[in-house]
Protein backbone atom coordinates (compact mmCIF):
# COMPACT_ATOMS: atom_id res chain seq x y z
CA MET A 1 68.36 -13.31 -27.29
CA THR A 2 66.67 -10.64 -29.36
CA LEU A 3 64.04 -13.12 -30.41
CA PHE A 4 63.48 -14.05 -26.79
CA LEU A 5 63.08 -10.39 -25.74
CA LEU A 6 60.78 -9.75 -28.64
CA LEU A 7 58.60 -12.71 -27.70
CA PHE A 8 58.69 -11.71 -24.04
CA PHE A 9 57.59 -8.14 -24.75
CA LYS A 10 55.01 -9.32 -27.25
CA ARG A 11 53.57 -11.75 -24.68
CA GLU A 12 53.49 -9.05 -21.98
CA ARG A 13 51.88 -6.65 -24.44
CA ILE A 14 49.22 -9.25 -25.26
CA LYS A 15 48.57 -9.70 -21.52
CA LEU A 16 48.23 -5.95 -21.12
CA VAL A 17 45.88 -5.70 -24.09
CA LEU A 18 43.83 -8.66 -22.80
CA THR A 19 43.62 -7.13 -19.33
CA LYS A 20 42.44 -3.79 -20.73
CA THR A 21 39.93 -5.53 -22.98
CA PHE A 22 38.66 -7.64 -20.11
CA PHE A 23 38.34 -4.62 -17.84
CA MET A 24 36.63 -2.48 -20.47
CA LYS A 25 34.30 -5.30 -21.39
CA TYR A 26 32.97 -5.64 -17.82
CA VAL A 27 33.30 -2.07 -16.58
CA ASN A 28 29.82 -1.23 -17.85
CA PHE A 29 28.42 -4.25 -16.04
CA TYR A 30 30.10 -3.33 -12.74
CA LEU A 31 29.08 0.32 -13.01
CA THR A 32 25.48 -0.71 -13.69
CA VAL A 33 25.46 -3.00 -10.67
CA ILE A 34 26.92 -0.30 -8.43
CA VAL A 35 24.39 2.29 -9.61
CA LEU A 36 21.49 -0.13 -9.08
CA LEU A 37 22.69 -0.95 -5.58
CA ILE A 38 22.94 2.72 -4.70
CA PHE A 39 19.43 3.49 -5.96
CA THR A 40 17.78 0.45 -4.42
CA SER A 41 19.45 0.79 -1.04
CA GLY A 42 17.69 4.11 -0.49
CA SER A 43 14.27 2.66 -1.24
CA THR A 44 14.27 -0.36 1.02
CA THR A 45 11.53 -0.40 3.59
CA LYS A 46 11.04 -2.32 6.77
CA LYS A 47 7.84 -4.28 7.07
CA ASN A 48 6.69 -2.50 10.20
CA ALA A 49 8.40 0.83 9.77
CA SER A 50 5.21 2.87 9.84
CA SER A 51 2.52 0.50 10.97
CA GLY A 52 0.98 0.69 14.40
CA TYR A 53 2.65 1.28 17.74
CA TYR A 54 5.81 -0.31 19.12
CA PRO A 55 7.54 -1.12 22.42
CA GLY A 56 8.81 1.92 24.25
CA GLU A 57 6.15 4.18 22.79
CA GLN A 58 3.43 5.77 24.87
CA LEU A 59 0.14 4.43 23.63
CA PRO A 60 -2.06 7.45 22.92
CA ASN A 61 -5.25 7.62 24.90
CA PHE A 62 -8.33 6.82 22.95
CA THR A 63 -11.94 7.08 23.98
CA ILE A 64 -14.27 5.43 21.56
CA SER A 65 -17.90 4.58 21.79
CA ILE A 66 -17.16 0.92 21.45
CA THR A 67 -20.20 -1.10 22.26
CA THR A 68 -19.84 -3.33 25.27
CA VAL A 69 -22.17 -5.94 26.55
CA ASN A 70 -23.27 -3.44 29.21
CA ASP A 71 -23.38 -0.48 26.77
CA THR A 72 -20.51 1.43 28.36
CA GLN A 73 -17.71 3.34 26.67
CA PHE A 74 -14.06 2.34 26.46
CA ASP A 75 -11.51 4.85 27.72
CA LEU A 76 -7.88 3.79 27.93
CA ASN A 77 -7.28 6.25 30.77
CA ASP A 78 -9.54 4.10 32.96
CA TYR A 79 -6.71 1.56 33.07
CA LYS A 80 -3.87 3.88 34.10
CA GLY A 81 -1.94 2.48 37.04
CA LYS A 82 -2.57 -1.13 35.96
CA LYS A 83 -0.68 -3.51 33.74
CA VAL A 84 -2.88 -4.16 30.73
CA VAL A 85 -2.88 -6.61 27.88
CA LEU A 86 -4.70 -4.91 25.01
CA ASN A 87 -5.79 -7.54 22.50
CA PHE A 88 -7.47 -7.02 19.13
CA TRP A 89 -9.37 -9.91 17.59
CA ALA A 90 -12.46 -10.91 15.60
CA ALA A 91 -14.71 -13.96 15.69
CA TYR A 92 -14.21 -14.51 11.95
CA ASP A 93 -10.43 -14.80 12.40
CA ALA A 94 -9.74 -18.20 13.99
CA ALA A 95 -6.15 -17.45 14.97
CA SER A 96 -6.98 -14.17 16.74
CA ARG A 97 -9.99 -15.75 18.44
CA ALA A 98 -7.87 -18.65 19.73
CA LYS A 99 -5.22 -16.19 20.95
CA ASN A 100 -7.90 -14.20 22.78
CA VAL A 101 -9.00 -17.35 24.63
CA GLN A 102 -5.38 -18.32 25.40
CA LEU A 103 -4.52 -14.88 26.77
CA HIS A 104 -7.73 -14.72 28.79
CA ASN A 105 -7.20 -18.13 30.39
CA PHE A 106 -3.48 -17.61 30.97
CA LEU A 107 -3.90 -14.24 32.68
CA LYS A 108 -6.87 -15.40 34.73
CA GLU A 109 -4.96 -18.42 36.06
CA ASN A 110 -1.46 -16.94 36.46
CA TYR A 111 -1.65 -13.15 36.64
CA PRO A 112 -5.07 -11.99 37.87
CA GLU A 113 -3.61 -8.54 38.65
CA VAL A 114 -3.02 -7.96 34.91
CA THR A 115 -6.13 -6.73 33.10
CA LEU A 116 -7.02 -8.15 29.71
CA VAL A 117 -8.80 -5.56 27.60
CA SER A 118 -10.14 -7.33 24.56
CA ILE A 119 -11.44 -5.39 21.57
CA SER A 120 -13.30 -7.33 18.93
CA LEU A 121 -13.62 -5.90 15.45
CA ASP A 122 -16.76 -7.87 14.63
CA GLU A 123 -19.41 -5.86 12.87
CA ASN A 124 -22.21 -7.87 14.44
CA GLN A 125 -22.79 -7.41 18.18
CA ASN A 126 -24.67 -10.72 18.42
CA VAL A 127 -21.78 -12.67 16.90
CA PHE A 128 -19.43 -11.03 19.39
CA GLU A 129 -21.63 -11.92 22.38
CA LYS A 130 -22.23 -15.52 21.23
CA THR A 131 -18.51 -16.01 20.62
CA LEU A 132 -17.69 -14.89 24.15
CA GLN A 133 -20.30 -17.30 25.52
CA LEU A 134 -18.94 -20.20 23.44
CA ASP A 135 -15.39 -19.41 24.49
CA ASN A 136 -16.37 -19.13 28.20
CA ILE A 137 -14.97 -15.62 28.52
CA GLU A 138 -16.39 -13.24 31.10
CA MET A 139 -17.91 -10.12 29.62
CA GLU A 140 -15.88 -7.72 31.78
CA ASN A 141 -13.35 -5.69 29.76
CA GLN A 142 -14.66 -7.14 26.49
CA PHE A 143 -15.48 -4.55 23.86
CA CYS A 144 -16.84 -4.74 20.33
CA GLU A 145 -16.09 -2.13 17.69
CA VAL A 146 -19.06 -2.68 15.37
CA LYS A 147 -17.53 -0.56 12.61
CA GLY A 148 -14.96 -3.36 12.23
CA THR A 149 -12.28 -2.71 9.66
CA GLN A 150 -13.85 0.65 8.81
CA SER A 151 -13.31 1.95 12.34
CA GLU A 152 -10.95 4.64 13.52
CA ILE A 153 -9.30 2.21 15.93
CA TYR A 154 -8.52 -0.20 13.07
CA ARG A 155 -6.89 2.62 11.09
CA ASN A 156 -5.00 4.14 14.05
CA PHE A 157 -3.50 0.81 15.09
CA ARG A 158 -2.93 -0.07 11.43
CA LEU A 159 -4.10 -3.61 11.95
CA LYS A 160 -4.62 -4.33 8.22
CA GLY A 161 -5.76 -7.91 8.61
CA GLU A 162 -3.31 -8.88 11.32
CA PHE A 163 -4.70 -8.56 14.81
CA LYS A 164 -2.17 -7.54 17.44
CA SER A 165 -1.81 -7.61 21.18
CA TYR A 166 0.07 -5.16 23.39
CA LEU A 167 1.41 -5.33 26.94
CA LEU A 168 1.10 -1.91 28.54
CA ASP A 169 2.83 -0.93 31.75
CA GLU A 170 1.19 1.15 34.49
CA ASN A 171 1.93 4.36 32.56
CA GLY A 172 0.47 3.20 29.26
CA VAL A 173 3.87 2.58 27.68
CA ILE A 174 4.05 -0.43 25.40
CA ALA A 175 6.30 -3.06 26.96
CA ALA A 176 5.80 -5.74 24.28
CA ILE A 177 3.69 -6.65 21.26
CA GLU A 178 2.53 -9.87 19.58
CA LEU A 179 1.94 -11.59 22.88
CA THR A 180 1.64 -15.28 23.61
CA PRO A 181 1.29 -16.98 27.00
CA GLU A 182 4.95 -18.01 26.76
CA LYS A 183 6.08 -14.47 26.02
CA LEU A 184 3.95 -13.12 28.88
CA GLN A 185 5.45 -15.71 31.24
CA ASN A 186 8.90 -14.28 30.50
CA LEU A 187 7.78 -10.65 30.73
CA LEU A 188 5.65 -10.66 33.88
């Protein structure tokens, strides 16, 4: 019996020693992981956290001497009281150009009361005008910011290579962004 108790206590002692050794061996690993998680969780960023304007926000008025086909100025306040789709694009960007044509045709056919304001960031006025002709888009409410990516509008909207579109309500509040005809169909 004494031998049995001795073996039993010895075995339990070995288990206790092994458990302590196991714990101590990996405690540094677990502490390191916890510390890393704490430090990295505070530095995570969202992709769009500080870029551009978002739904629910009042779009600030901007008056810019954007060249139009008729040499007039663009003033966002001119569109107060109307639903507006504000679309940024450039002839050199095939996806944004195609989206401009899609939005233009969709709104013209389905929602003529909604105004499409299209701002091209092409640096060449002639390219802008020829593109509109090729795409069969009327010149009304088509603007060209010839400073392109160096313009104030490009910086303020933080476009950074990705052209965006905004649906504005009658008060200039952004109702939606990244518009497609399908998305507009659900929103209007």
